[in-house]
Amino acid sequence: MDEAELISRIGEFTIVLSDGTEIKVVLEPTSTTPESPKD
């Protein structure tokens, strides 16, 4: 299983910047949030 497939299954991942800042990204299915679509 590659990283892309793992991310698509979990729906969230963490980006670590070069200065050590961690940004958690959560991918929400647009079908469950029709009032706030993400482009």
Protein backbone atom coordinates (compact mmCIF):
# COMPACT_ATOMS: atom_id res chain seq x y z
CA MET A 1 0.00 0.00 0.00
CA ASP A 2 1.51 3.31 -1.04
CA GLU A 3 1.22 6.58 0.85
CA ALA A 4 -1.46 8.03 -1.45
CA GLU A 5 -3.71 5.01 -0.95
CA LEU A 6 -3.19 5.15 2.80
CA ILE A 7 -4.15 8.83 2.89
CA SER A 8 -7.27 8.22 0.80
CA ARG A 9 -8.37 5.46 3.17
CA ILE A 10 -7.73 7.34 6.41
CA GLY A 11 -8.84 10.73 5.13
CA GLU A 12 -6.36 12.67 7.23
CA PHE A 13 -2.64 13.26 7.33
CA THR A 14 -0.07 15.57 8.91
CA ILE A 15 2.24 17.92 7.04
CA VAL A 16 5.45 18.82 8.85
CA LEU A 17 7.09 22.04 7.69
CA SER A 18 10.85 22.56 7.60
CA ASP A 19 10.69 24.62 10.80
CA GLY A 20 8.91 21.81 12.65
CA THR A 21 5.39 23.19 12.39
CA GLU A 22 2.81 20.43 12.07
CA ILE A 23 -0.35 20.98 10.05
CA LYS A 24 -3.06 18.35 10.33
CA VAL A 25 -5.17 18.04 7.20
CA VAL A 26 -8.51 16.24 7.32
CA LEU A 27 -10.19 15.33 4.07
CA GLU A 28 -13.96 15.38 4.44
CA PRO A 29 -16.16 13.74 1.80
CA THR A 30 -18.07 16.48 -0.01
CA SER A 31 -21.15 14.26 0.06
CA THR A 32 -21.43 14.71 3.82
CA THR A 33 -20.85 18.47 3.68
CA PRO A 34 -22.87 19.83 0.73
CA GLU A 35 -23.24 23.22 2.42
CA SER A 36 -19.48 23.79 2.44
CA PRO A 37 -17.85 22.28 -0.66
CA LYS A 38 -14.06 22.32 -0.72
CA ASP A 39 -12.37 23.25 -3.96
